[in-house]
Amino acid sequence: MAHSVSPEILYLFLKTDKLALIRLAGGGAQPNISQKIVREFQIPLPPLATQQAIVAEIEAEQALVAANRELITRFEQKIQATLARIWGEAELVPAEA
């Protein structure tokens, strides 16, 4: 029985398991992944509703990762601004010759 495949699941699976596809393509400096290889590549497919739930969970986690990266950037900027303020207010001591 053939299942419907969510384009997002197909993309995520192929992105995650691209090394397996490259191995199937054979050696060489530039492996050739043909349509035949992609069509014959076995992808475990749960029902469409499960695929959609998986995609939704992955997208939610990706949003959290993006938010955490933004938070890290903000705190790095705050740290740099604080250090600049602290060092800028400190009295400069001339270097000894």
N, C-alpha and C. Protein backbone atom coordinates (compact mmCIF):
# COMPACT_ATOMS: atom_id res chain seq x y z
N MET A 1 0.85 -1.18 0.00
CA MET A 1 0.00 0.00 0.00
C MET A 1 0.89 1.24 0.00
N ALA A 2 0.67 2.12 -0.94
CA ALA A 2 1.48 3.34 -1.05
C ALA A 2 0.91 4.41 -0.13
N HIS A 3 1.80 5.07 0.58
CA HIS A 3 1.40 6.19 1.43
C HIS A 3 1.63 7.49 0.67
N SER A 4 0.86 8.49 1.05
CA SER A 4 1.15 9.84 0.55
C SER A 4 2.36 10.34 1.32
N VAL A 5 3.15 11.16 0.64
CA VAL A 5 4.33 11.69 1.32
C VAL A 5 4.23 13.21 1.39
N SER A 6 4.46 13.73 2.55
CA SER A 6 4.51 15.16 2.76
C SER A 6 5.79 15.67 2.13
N PRO A 7 5.74 16.74 1.32
CA PRO A 7 6.98 17.27 0.74
C PRO A 7 7.99 17.67 1.80
N GLU A 8 7.49 18.16 2.94
CA GLU A 8 8.39 18.56 4.02
C GLU A 8 9.13 17.35 4.60
N ILE A 9 8.41 16.23 4.78
CA ILE A 9 9.04 15.01 5.29
C ILE A 9 10.07 14.50 4.30
N LEU A 10 9.72 14.51 3.02
CA LEU A 10 10.66 14.06 2.00
C LEU A 10 11.93 14.91 2.04
N TYR A 11 11.76 16.23 2.10
CA TYR A 11 12.91 17.14 2.16
C TYR A 11 13.75 16.86 3.40
N LEU A 12 13.12 16.78 4.56
CA LEU A 12 13.85 16.57 5.81
C LEU A 12 14.58 15.22 5.81
N PHE A 13 13.91 14.19 5.30
CA PHE A 13 14.54 12.88 5.28
C PHE A 13 15.74 12.87 4.34
N LEU A 14 15.57 13.41 3.14
CA LEU A 14 16.68 13.42 2.19
C LEU A 14 17.83 14.29 2.69
N LYS A 15 17.49 15.39 3.35
CA LYS A 15 18.53 16.26 3.91
C LYS A 15 19.29 15.54 5.02
N THR A 16 18.57 14.80 5.84
CA THR A 16 19.17 14.09 6.96
C THR A 16 19.99 12.89 6.50
N ASP A 17 19.50 12.18 5.49
CA ASP A 17 20.15 10.95 5.07
C ASP A 17 20.86 11.10 3.72
N LYS A 18 21.38 12.29 3.44
CA LYS A 18 22.00 12.54 2.14
C LYS A 18 23.25 11.70 1.93
N LEU A 19 23.94 11.33 3.01
CA LEU A 19 25.13 10.50 2.86
C LEU A 19 24.79 9.12 2.30
N ALA A 20 23.64 8.59 2.69
CA ALA A 20 23.21 7.30 2.14
C ALA A 20 22.96 7.42 0.64
N LEU A 21 22.36 8.52 0.23
CA LEU A 21 22.14 8.73 -1.20
C LEU A 21 23.46 8.86 -1.95
N ILE A 22 24.40 9.57 -1.37
CA ILE A 22 25.70 9.75 -2.02
C ILE A 22 26.42 8.41 -2.15
N ARG A 23 26.30 7.56 -1.11
CA ARG A 23 26.90 6.23 -1.19
C ARG A 23 26.29 5.42 -2.33
N LEU A 24 24.97 5.54 -2.50
CA LEU A 24 24.29 4.82 -3.59
C LEU A 24 24.72 5.33 -4.96
N ALA A 25 25.10 6.59 -5.02
CA ALA A 25 25.47 7.20 -6.29
C ALA A 25 26.83 6.70 -6.78
N GLY A 26 27.60 6.13 -5.91
CA GLY A 26 28.90 5.61 -6.32
C GLY A 26 30.02 6.59 -6.03
N GLY A 27 31.22 6.14 -6.26
CA GLY A 27 32.40 6.94 -5.96
C GLY A 27 32.64 8.02 -6.99
N GLY A 28 33.76 8.63 -6.84
CA GLY A 28 34.12 9.69 -7.76
C GLY A 28 34.10 11.03 -7.06
N ALA A 29 34.71 12.00 -7.72
CA ALA A 29 34.78 13.34 -7.13
C ALA A 29 33.41 13.99 -7.03
N GLN A 30 32.56 13.74 -8.02
CA GLN A 30 31.21 14.30 -8.02
C GLN A 30 30.20 13.19 -8.26
N PRO A 31 29.69 12.60 -7.17
CA PRO A 31 28.72 11.51 -7.33
C PRO A 31 27.47 11.99 -8.08
N ASN A 32 26.90 11.10 -8.87
CA ASN A 32 25.72 11.43 -9.64
C ASN A 32 24.50 10.74 -9.03
N ILE A 33 23.61 11.52 -8.47
CA ILE A 33 22.39 10.97 -7.88
C ILE A 33 21.29 11.12 -8.93
N SER A 34 20.99 10.03 -9.59
CA SER A 34 20.01 10.06 -10.67
C SER A 34 18.59 9.97 -10.12
N GLN A 35 17.62 10.26 -10.98
CA GLN A 35 16.22 10.11 -10.59
C GLN A 35 15.92 8.66 -10.23
N LYS A 36 16.55 7.74 -10.93
CA LYS A 36 16.34 6.31 -10.64
C LYS A 36 16.75 5.99 -9.21
N ILE A 37 17.92 6.53 -8.79
CA ILE A 37 18.39 6.29 -7.42
C ILE A 37 17.41 6.88 -6.42
N VAL A 38 16.95 8.09 -6.67
CA VAL A 38 16.01 8.74 -5.74
C VAL A 38 14.70 7.96 -5.68
N ARG A 39 14.21 7.52 -6.84
CA ARG A 39 12.93 6.76 -6.87
C ARG A 39 13.05 5.43 -6.15
N GLU A 40 14.21 4.80 -6.24
CA GLU A 40 14.39 3.49 -5.62
C GLU A 40 14.81 3.57 -4.16
N PHE A 41 15.16 4.77 -3.71
CA PHE A 41 15.60 4.96 -2.33
C PHE A 41 14.41 4.70 -1.40
N GLN A 42 14.62 3.82 -0.44
CA GLN A 42 13.54 3.44 0.47
C GLN A 42 13.45 4.44 1.62
N ILE A 43 12.26 5.01 1.76
CA ILE A 43 12.01 5.98 2.83
C ILE A 43 10.91 5.41 3.71
N PRO A 44 11.17 5.28 5.01
CA PRO A 44 10.11 4.80 5.90
C PRO A 44 9.02 5.86 6.02
N LEU A 45 7.81 5.51 5.60
CA LEU A 45 6.73 6.49 5.59
C LEU A 45 5.60 6.11 6.54
N PRO A 46 5.45 6.87 7.60
CA PRO A 46 4.26 6.69 8.44
C PRO A 46 3.05 7.32 7.74
N PRO A 47 1.87 7.15 8.28
CA PRO A 47 0.69 7.79 7.68
C PRO A 47 0.88 9.32 7.60
N LEU A 48 0.15 9.95 6.68
CA LEU A 48 0.30 11.38 6.41
C LEU A 48 0.10 12.22 7.68
N ALA A 49 -0.85 11.86 8.52
CA ALA A 49 -1.10 12.63 9.76
C ALA A 49 0.13 12.59 10.67
N THR A 50 0.79 11.44 10.73
CA THR A 50 2.01 11.32 11.55
C THR A 50 3.13 12.15 10.94
N GLN A 51 3.24 12.11 9.61
CA GLN A 51 4.25 12.93 8.93
C GLN A 51 4.06 14.40 9.26
N GLN A 52 2.81 14.86 9.21
CA GLN A 52 2.52 16.27 9.49
C GLN A 52 2.85 16.62 10.93
N ALA A 53 2.58 15.70 11.85
CA ALA A 53 2.91 15.93 13.26
C ALA A 53 4.43 16.02 13.45
N ILE A 54 5.17 15.18 12.75
CA ILE A 54 6.64 15.21 12.83
C ILE A 54 7.15 16.54 12.30
N VAL A 55 6.64 16.97 11.15
CA VAL A 55 7.06 18.24 10.56
C VAL A 55 6.76 19.40 11.51
N ALA A 56 5.57 19.40 12.11
CA ALA A 56 5.19 20.47 13.04
C ALA A 56 6.14 20.51 14.24
N GLU A 57 6.52 19.33 14.75
CA GLU A 57 7.43 19.28 15.89
C GLU A 57 8.82 19.78 15.50
N ILE A 58 9.30 19.38 14.34
CA ILE A 58 10.61 19.84 13.87
C ILE A 58 10.61 21.35 13.66
N GLU A 59 9.54 21.88 13.07
CA GLU A 59 9.46 23.32 12.84
C GLU A 59 9.42 24.09 14.16
N ALA A 60 8.71 23.55 15.16
CA ALA A 60 8.67 24.20 16.48
C ALA A 60 10.06 24.21 17.11
N GLU A 61 10.78 23.10 16.98
CA GLU A 61 12.14 23.04 17.54
C GLU A 61 13.08 23.98 16.79
N GLN A 62 12.92 24.09 15.47
CA GLN A 62 13.74 25.01 14.70
C GLN A 62 13.46 26.46 15.12
N ALA A 63 12.21 26.77 15.42
CA ALA A 63 11.87 28.12 15.89
C ALA A 63 12.54 28.40 17.24
N LEU A 64 12.57 27.40 18.12
CA LEU A 64 13.24 27.57 19.41
C LEU A 64 14.74 27.78 19.23
N VAL A 65 15.34 27.04 18.33
CA VAL A 65 16.77 27.19 18.07
C VAL A 65 17.05 28.60 17.55
N ALA A 66 16.22 29.08 16.62
CA ALA A 66 16.40 30.43 16.07
C ALA A 66 16.23 31.48 17.17
N ALA A 67 15.25 31.30 18.04
CA ALA A 67 15.04 32.24 19.14
C ALA A 67 16.24 32.22 20.10
N ASN A 68 16.79 31.05 20.35
CA ASN A 68 17.96 30.96 21.23
C ASN A 68 19.17 31.62 20.61
N ARG A 69 19.34 31.48 19.30
CA ARG A 69 20.45 32.16 18.63
C ARG A 69 20.30 33.67 18.74
N GLU A 70 19.09 34.16 18.58
CA GLU A 70 18.82 35.59 18.71
C GLU A 70 19.14 36.05 20.14
N LEU A 71 18.74 35.26 21.12
CA LEU A 71 19.00 35.59 22.52
C LEU A 71 20.51 35.63 22.80
N ILE A 72 21.23 34.66 22.26
CA ILE A 72 22.69 34.64 22.43
C ILE A 72 23.30 35.91 21.84
N THR A 73 22.86 36.29 20.63
CA THR A 73 23.38 37.49 19.98
C THR A 73 23.10 38.73 20.84
N ARG A 74 21.89 38.83 21.36
CA ARG A 74 21.54 39.98 22.21
C ARG A 74 22.43 40.05 23.44
N PHE A 75 22.62 38.91 24.11
CA PHE A 75 23.44 38.92 25.32
C PHE A 75 24.91 39.19 25.00
N GLU A 76 25.39 38.68 23.87
CA GLU A 76 26.78 39.00 23.49
C GLU A 76 26.93 40.50 23.28
N GLN A 77 25.94 41.13 22.65
CA GLN A 77 25.99 42.58 22.44
C GLN A 77 25.95 43.33 23.77
N LYS A 78 25.11 42.87 24.69
CA LYS A 78 25.03 43.51 26.00
C LYS A 78 26.35 43.37 26.76
N ILE A 79 26.95 42.21 26.67
CA ILE A 79 28.24 41.98 27.34
C ILE A 79 29.30 42.91 26.76
N GLN A 80 29.35 42.99 25.43
CA GLN A 80 30.34 43.85 24.77
C GLN A 80 30.11 45.32 25.14
N ALA A 81 28.85 45.75 25.19
CA ALA A 81 28.54 47.13 25.55
C ALA A 81 28.95 47.41 27.00
N THR A 82 28.71 46.45 27.89
CA THR A 82 29.09 46.61 29.29
C THR A 82 30.60 46.67 29.43
N LEU A 83 31.30 45.78 28.74
CA LEU A 83 32.77 45.80 28.80
C LEU A 83 33.32 47.11 28.24
N ALA A 84 32.75 47.58 27.16
CA ALA A 84 33.22 48.84 26.57
C ALA A 84 32.99 49.99 27.55
N ARG A 85 31.84 49.99 28.21
CA ARG A 85 31.54 51.04 29.19
C ARG A 85 32.51 50.97 30.36
N ILE A 86 32.76 49.75 30.85
CA ILE A 86 33.67 49.59 31.99
C ILE A 86 35.09 50.01 31.61
N TRP A 87 35.59 49.52 30.51
CA TRP A 87 36.97 49.83 30.10
C TRP A 87 37.09 51.27 29.62
N GLY A 88 36.03 51.80 29.06
CA GLY A 88 36.07 53.19 28.60
C GLY A 88 36.13 54.15 29.75
N GLU A 89 35.55 53.80 30.89
CA GLU A 89 35.54 54.68 32.06
C GLU A 89 36.80 54.53 32.89
N ALA A 90 37.55 53.45 32.67
CA ALA A 90 38.77 53.23 33.46
C ALA A 90 39.84 54.21 33.03
N GLU A 91 40.63 54.62 33.99
CA GLU A 91 41.71 55.55 33.70
C GLU A 91 42.82 54.81 32.96
N LEU A 92 43.29 55.39 31.91
CA LEU A 92 44.35 54.75 31.12
C LEU A 92 45.69 54.93 31.84
N VAL A 93 46.42 53.86 31.94
CA VAL A 93 47.74 53.90 32.58
C VAL A 93 48.76 53.81 31.46
N PRO A 94 49.70 54.78 31.38
CA PRO A 94 50.69 54.73 30.30
C PRO A 94 51.57 53.49 30.43
N ALA A 95 51.90 52.91 29.30
CA ALA A 95 52.78 51.72 29.30
C ALA A 95 54.20 52.15 29.62
N GLU A 96 54.89 51.32 30.36
CA GLU A 96 56.30 51.60 30.70
C GLU A 96 57.18 51.25 29.52
N ALA A 97 58.17 52.07 29.31
CA ALA A 97 59.07 51.87 28.17
C ALA A 97 60.10 50.83 28.47
